[in-house]
All heavy atoms as atom14 arrays in JSON, in Angstrom:
{
  "sequence": "IEERLTWWPTLARLLDGVPPLTVQVVHG",
  "atom14_mask": [
    [1, 1, 1, 1, 1, 1, 1, 1, 0, 0, 0, 0, 0, 0],
    [1, 1, 1, 1, 1, 1, 1, 1, 1, 0, 0, 0, 0, 0],
    [1, 1, 1, 1, 1, 1, 1, 1, 1, 0, 0, 0, 0, 0],
    [1, 1, 1, 1, 1, 1, 1, 1, 1, 1, 1, 0, 0, 0],
    [1, 1, 1, 1, 1, 1, 1, 1, 0, 0, 0, 0, 0, 0],
    [1, 1, 1, 1, 1, 1, 1, 0, 0, 0, 0, 0, 0, 0],
    [1, 1, 1, 1, 1, 1, 1, 1, 1, 1, 1, 1, 1, 1],
    [1, 1, 1, 1, 1, 1, 1, 1, 1, 1, 1, 1, 1, 1],
    [1, 1, 1, 1, 1, 1, 1, 0, 0, 0, 0, 0, 0, 0],
    [1, 1, 1, 1, 1, 1, 1, 0, 0, 0, 0, 0, 0, 0],
    [1, 1, 1, 1, 1, 1, 1, 1, 0, 0, 0, 0, 0, 0],
    [1, 1, 1, 1, 1, 0, 0, 0, 0, 0, 0, 0, 0, 0],
    [1, 1, 1, 1, 1, 1, 1, 1, 1, 1, 1, 0, 0, 0],
    [1, 1, 1, 1, 1, 1, 1, 1, 0, 0, 0, 0, 0, 0],
    [1, 1, 1, 1, 1, 1, 1, 1, 0, 0, 0, 0, 0, 0],
    [1, 1, 1, 1, 1, 1, 1, 1, 0, 0, 0, 0, 0, 0],
    [1, 1, 1, 1, 0, 0, 0, 0, 0, 0, 0, 0, 0, 0],
    [1, 1, 1, 1, 1, 1, 1, 0, 0, 0, 0, 0, 0, 0],
    [1, 1, 1, 1, 1, 1, 1, 0, 0, 0, 0, 0, 0, 0],
    [1, 1, 1, 1, 1, 1, 1, 0, 0, 0, 0, 0, 0, 0],
    [1, 1, 1, 1, 1, 1, 1, 1, 0, 0, 0, 0, 0, 0],
    [1, 1, 1, 1, 1, 1, 1, 0, 0, 0, 0, 0, 0, 0],
    [1, 1, 1, 1, 1, 1, 1, 0, 0, 0, 0, 0, 0, 0],
    [1, 1, 1, 1, 1, 1, 1, 1, 1, 0, 0, 0, 0, 0],
    [1, 1, 1, 1, 1, 1, 1, 0, 0, 0, 0, 0, 0, 0],
    [1, 1, 1, 1, 1, 1, 1, 0, 0, 0, 0, 0, 0, 0],
    [1, 1, 1, 1, 1, 1, 1, 1, 1, 1, 0, 0, 0, 0],
    [1, 1, 1, 1, 0, 0, 0, 0, 0, 0, 0, 0, 0, 0]
  ],
  "atom14_positions": [
    [[0.84, -1.21, 0.0], [0.0, 0.0, 0.0], [0.87, 1.25, 0.0], [0.63, 2.2, -0.77], [-0.94, -0.01, 1.22], [-2.01, -1.1, 1.06], [-1.6, 1.37, 1.41], [-2.8, -1.35, 2.32], [0.0, 0.0, 0.0], [0.0, 0.0, 0.0], [0.0, 0.0, 0.0], [0.0, 0.0, 0.0], [0.0, 0.0, 0.0], [0.0, 0.0, 0.0]],
    [[1.89, 1.26, 0.84], [2.78, 2.43, 0.9], [3.49, 2.64, -0.43], [3.67, 3.78, -0.88], [3.77, 2.25, 2.05], [3.1, 2.3, 3.42], [4.05, 1.91, 4.56], [5.15, 1.4, 4.25], [3.67, 2.07, 5.73], [0.0, 0.0, 0.0], [0.0, 0.0, 0.0], [0.0, 0.0, 0.0], [0.0, 0.0, 0.0], [0.0, 0.0, 0.0]],
    [[3.87, 1.54, -1.09], [4.51, 1.68, -2.39], [3.54, 2.25, -3.42], [3.9, 3.14, -4.2], [5.04, 0.32, -2.86], [5.76, 0.4, -4.21], [6.29, -0.95, -4.66], [6.12, -1.95, -3.93], [6.87, -1.0, -5.77], [0.0, 0.0, 0.0], [0.0, 0.0, 0.0], [0.0, 0.0, 0.0], [0.0, 0.0, 0.0], [0.0, 0.0, 0.0]],
    [[2.34, 1.77, -3.42], [1.36, 2.26, -4.4], [1.07, 3.75, -4.21], [0.87, 4.46, -5.19], [0.06, 1.46, -4.29], [0.18, 0.06, -4.84], [-1.17, -0.58, -4.99], [-1.04, -2.0, -5.26], [-2.06, -2.8, -5.46], [-3.3, -2.32, -5.45], [-1.88, -4.09, -5.7], [0.0, 0.0, 0.0], [0.0, 0.0, 0.0], [0.0, 0.0, 0.0]],
    [[1.05, 4.2, -2.98], [0.79, 5.62, -2.74], [1.87, 6.5, -3.36], [1.61, 7.63, -3.76], [0.65, 5.88, -1.25], [-0.65, 5.34, -0.61], [-0.59, 5.45, 0.91], [-1.87, 6.09, -1.14], [0.0, 0.0, 0.0], [0.0, 0.0, 0.0], [0.0, 0.0, 0.0], [0.0, 0.0, 0.0], [0.0, 0.0, 0.0], [0.0, 0.0, 0.0]],
    [[3.09, 5.95, -3.48], [4.15, 6.74, -4.13], [3.95, 6.82, -5.64], [4.54, 7.67, -6.3], [5.55, 6.13, -3.84], [5.68, 4.86, -4.51], [5.78, 5.96, -2.36], [0.0, 0.0, 0.0], [0.0, 0.0, 0.0], [0.0, 0.0, 0.0], [0.0, 0.0, 0.0], [0.0, 0.0, 0.0], [0.0, 0.0, 0.0], [0.0, 0.0, 0.0]],
    [[3.11, 5.95, -6.2], [2.85, 5.97, -7.64], [1.82, 7.03, -8.03], [1.59, 7.26, -9.22], [2.3, 4.61, -8.11], [3.19, 3.43, -7.88], [4.5, 3.42, -7.5], [2.8, 2.05, -8.03], [4.96, 2.14, -7.38], [3.95, 1.27, -7.71], [1.64, 1.41, -8.4], [3.93, -0.13, -7.75], [1.6, 0.02, -8.43], [2.74, -0.74, -8.12]],
    [[1.18, 7.66, -7.06], [-0.02, 8.44, -7.34], [0.17, 9.54, -8.38], [-0.68, 9.69, -9.27], [-0.62, 8.99, -6.05], [-2.1, 8.73, -6.02], [-3.11, 9.6, -6.26], [-2.72, 7.46, -5.76], [-4.33, 8.97, -6.17], [-4.12, 7.64, -5.87], [-2.24, 6.18, -5.47], [-5.03, 6.61, -5.67], [-3.16, 5.15, -5.28], [-4.52, 5.38, -5.38]],
    [[1.24, 10.35, -8.32], [1.38, 11.38, -9.37], [1.44, 10.79, -10.78], [0.85, 11.33, -11.71], [2.7, 12.07, -8.99], [2.83, 11.84, -7.51], [2.29, 10.46, -7.29], [0.0, 0.0, 0.0], [0.0, 0.0, 0.0], [0.0, 0.0, 0.0], [0.0, 0.0, 0.0], [0.0, 0.0, 0.0], [0.0, 0.0, 0.0], [0.0, 0.0, 0.0]],
    [[2.14, 9.66, -10.91], [2.2, 9.0, -12.22], [0.84, 8.47, -12.64], [0.42, 8.62, -13.8], [3.23, 7.86, -12.2], [4.51, 8.38, -11.88], [3.28, 7.14, -13.53], [0.0, 0.0, 0.0], [0.0, 0.0, 0.0], [0.0, 0.0, 0.0], [0.0, 0.0, 0.0], [0.0, 0.0, 0.0], [0.0, 0.0, 0.0], [0.0, 0.0, 0.0]],
    [[0.12, 7.84, -11.71], [-1.19, 7.3, -12.03], [-2.16, 8.41, -12.43], [-2.97, 8.24, -13.36], [-1.74, 6.52, -10.83], [-0.96, 5.25, -10.45], [-1.53, 4.65, -9.16], [-0.99, 4.22, -11.58], [0.0, 0.0, 0.0], [0.0, 0.0, 0.0], [0.0, 0.0, 0.0], [0.0, 0.0, 0.0], [0.0, 0.0, 0.0], [0.0, 0.0, 0.0]],
    [[-2.08, 9.55, -11.75], [-2.95, 10.68, -12.09], [-2.67, 11.17, -13.51], [-3.59, 11.47, -14.28], [-2.78, 11.8, -11.08], [0.0, 0.0, 0.0], [0.0, 0.0, 0.0], [0.0, 0.0, 0.0], [0.0, 0.0, 0.0], [0.0, 0.0, 0.0], [0.0, 0.0, 0.0], [0.0, 0.0, 0.0], [0.0, 0.0, 0.0], [0.0, 0.0, 0.0]],
    [[-1.38, 11.24, -13.85], [-1.02, 11.66, -15.21], [-1.51, 10.65, -16.25], [-2.03, 11.04, -17.31], [0.5, 11.82, -15.3], [1.0, 12.17, -16.7], [2.51, 12.35, -16.72], [3.22, 11.19, -16.21], [3.46, 10.08, -16.92], [3.0, 9.99, -18.17], [4.15, 9.09, -16.4], [0.0, 0.0, 0.0], [0.0, 0.0, 0.0], [0.0, 0.0, 0.0]],
    [[-1.37, 9.38, -15.94], [-1.83, 8.35, -16.87], [-3.34, 8.4, -17.05], [-3.85, 8.24, -18.16], [-1.39, 6.97, -16.39], [0.11, 6.71, -16.38], [0.4, 5.32, -15.8], [0.7, 6.83, -17.78], [0.0, 0.0, 0.0], [0.0, 0.0, 0.0], [0.0, 0.0, 0.0], [0.0, 0.0, 0.0], [0.0, 0.0, 0.0], [0.0, 0.0, 0.0]],
    [[-4.05, 8.61, -15.96], [-5.51, 8.68, -16.06], [-5.94, 9.86, -16.91], [-6.89, 9.75, -17.71], [-6.13, 8.78, -14.66], [-7.66, 8.81, -14.61], [-8.25, 7.52, -15.18], [-8.14, 9.03, -13.17], [0.0, 0.0, 0.0], [0.0, 0.0, 0.0], [0.0, 0.0, 0.0], [0.0, 0.0, 0.0], [0.0, 0.0, 0.0], [0.0, 0.0, 0.0]],
    [[-5.26, 10.98, -16.8], [-5.59, 12.14, -17.63], [-5.42, 11.85, -19.11], [-6.04, 12.49, -19.96], [-4.72, 13.34, -17.23], [-5.19, 13.99, -15.93], [-6.35, 13.76, -15.54], [-4.39, 14.73, -15.33], [0.0, 0.0, 0.0], [0.0, 0.0, 0.0], [0.0, 0.0, 0.0], [0.0, 0.0, 0.0], [0.0, 0.0, 0.0], [0.0, 0.0, 0.0]],
    [[-4.56, 10.88, -19.43], [-4.31, 10.55, -20.82], [-5.21, 9.47, -21.39], [-5.06, 9.08, -22.55], [0.0, 0.0, 0.0], [0.0, 0.0, 0.0], [0.0, 0.0, 0.0], [0.0, 0.0, 0.0], [0.0, 0.0, 0.0], [0.0, 0.0, 0.0], [0.0, 0.0, 0.0], [0.0, 0.0, 0.0], [0.0, 0.0, 0.0], [0.0, 0.0, 0.0]],
    [[-6.16, 8.96, -20.58], [-7.08, 7.94, -21.08], [-8.11, 8.6, -22.0], [-8.75, 9.58, -21.61], [-7.8, 7.21, -19.92], [-8.86, 6.24, -20.46], [-6.78, 6.45, -19.07], [0.0, 0.0, 0.0], [0.0, 0.0, 0.0], [0.0, 0.0, 0.0], [0.0, 0.0, 0.0], [0.0, 0.0, 0.0], [0.0, 0.0, 0.0], [0.0, 0.0, 0.0]],
    [[-8.29, 8.11, -23.21], [-9.26, 8.72, -24.13], [-10.69, 8.41, -23.7], [-10.91, 7.6, -22.79], [-8.94, 8.04, -25.47], [-8.44, 6.69, -25.06], [-7.65, 6.91, -23.8], [0.0, 0.0, 0.0], [0.0, 0.0, 0.0], [0.0, 0.0, 0.0], [0.0, 0.0, 0.0], [0.0, 0.0, 0.0], [0.0, 0.0, 0.0], [0.0, 0.0, 0.0]],
    [[-11.68, 9.04, -24.32], [-13.07, 8.66, -24.03], [-13.26, 7.16, -24.23], [-12.69, 6.56, -25.16], [-13.88, 9.47, -25.05], [-13.01, 10.66, -25.32], [-11.59, 10.15, -25.28], [0.0, 0.0, 0.0], [0.0, 0.0, 0.0], [0.0, 0.0, 0.0], [0.0, 0.0, 0.0], [0.0, 0.0, 0.0], [0.0, 0.0, 0.0], [0.0, 0.0, 0.0]],
    [[-14.06, 6.56, -23.36], [-14.2, 5.11, -23.36], [-15.62, 4.69, -23.72], [-16.59, 5.31, -23.27], [-13.85, 4.55, -21.98], [-12.4, 4.75, -21.51], [-12.24, 4.27, -20.07], [-11.43, 4.03, -22.43], [0.0, 0.0, 0.0], [0.0, 0.0, 0.0], [0.0, 0.0, 0.0], [0.0, 0.0, 0.0], [0.0, 0.0, 0.0], [0.0, 0.0, 0.0]],
    [[-15.72, 3.62, -24.49], [-17.02, 3.02, -24.8], [-17.51, 2.24, -23.59], [-16.81, 1.35, -23.09], [-16.89, 2.07, -26.01], [-16.48, 2.83, -27.15], [-18.21, 1.39, -26.3], [0.0, 0.0, 0.0], [0.0, 0.0, 0.0], [0.0, 0.0, 0.0], [0.0, 0.0, 0.0], [0.0, 0.0, 0.0], [0.0, 0.0, 0.0], [0.0, 0.0, 0.0]],
    [[-18.7, 2.58, -23.13], [-19.29, 1.92, -21.96], [-20.53, 1.15, -22.42], [-21.38, 1.69, -23.13], [-19.67, 2.96, -20.89], [-20.44, 2.31, -19.75], [-18.42, 3.63, -20.35], [0.0, 0.0, 0.0], [0.0, 0.0, 0.0], [0.0, 0.0, 0.0], [0.0, 0.0, 0.0], [0.0, 0.0, 0.0], [0.0, 0.0, 0.0], [0.0, 0.0, 0.0]],
    [[-20.6, -0.1, -22.01], [-21.72, -0.96, -22.41], [-21.83, -2.11, -21.42], [-21.02, -2.25, -20.51], [-21.48, -1.5, -23.82], [-20.25, -2.42, -23.91], [-20.22, -3.22, -25.19], [-19.85, -2.69, -26.24], [-20.6, -4.49, -25.12], [0.0, 0.0, 0.0], [0.0, 0.0, 0.0], [0.0, 0.0, 0.0], [0.0, 0.0, 0.0], [0.0, 0.0, 0.0]],
    [[-22.85, -2.95, -21.6], [-22.94, -4.17, -20.81], [-21.8, -5.09, -21.21], [-21.53, -5.31, -22.4], [-24.29, -4.87, -21.04], [-24.31, -6.25, -20.36], [-25.43, -4.01, -20.5], [0.0, 0.0, 0.0], [0.0, 0.0, 0.0], [0.0, 0.0, 0.0], [0.0, 0.0, 0.0], [0.0, 0.0, 0.0], [0.0, 0.0, 0.0], [0.0, 0.0, 0.0]],
    [[-21.1, -5.63, -20.2], [-20.01, -6.58, -20.42], [-20.2, -7.78, -19.5], [-21.18, -7.85, -18.76], [-18.63, -5.91, -20.18], [-18.37, -4.8, -21.2], [-18.54, -5.34, -18.75], [0.0, 0.0, 0.0], [0.0, 0.0, 0.0], [0.0, 0.0, 0.0], [0.0, 0.0, 0.0], [0.0, 0.0, 0.0], [0.0, 0.0, 0.0], [0.0, 0.0, 0.0]],
    [[-19.27, -8.71, -19.55], [-19.34, -9.89, -18.68], [-19.34, -9.48, -17.22], [-20.13, -9.98, -16.42], [-18.16, -10.81, -19.0], [-18.05, -12.02, -18.12], [-17.6, -11.97, -16.82], [-18.32, -13.33, -18.37], [-17.59, -13.18, -16.3], [-18.02, -14.04, -17.23], [0.0, 0.0, 0.0], [0.0, 0.0, 0.0], [0.0, 0.0, 0.0], [0.0, 0.0, 0.0]],
    [[-18.42, -8.6, -16.83], [-18.38, -8.07, -15.48], [-17.37, -8.72, -14.56], [-16.97, -8.11, -13.56], [0.0, 0.0, 0.0], [0.0, 0.0, 0.0], [0.0, 0.0, 0.0], [0.0, 0.0, 0.0], [0.0, 0.0, 0.0], [0.0, 0.0, 0.0], [0.0, 0.0, 0.0], [0.0, 0.0, 0.0], [0.0, 0.0, 0.0], [0.0, 0.0, 0.0]]
  ]
}
């Protein structure tokens, strides 16, 4: 958990770069 918290700035940047996503019913 402590290691993952250090990833947060990178994860935030990566999330900002996710394009619009197709949302539909899936297996789940």
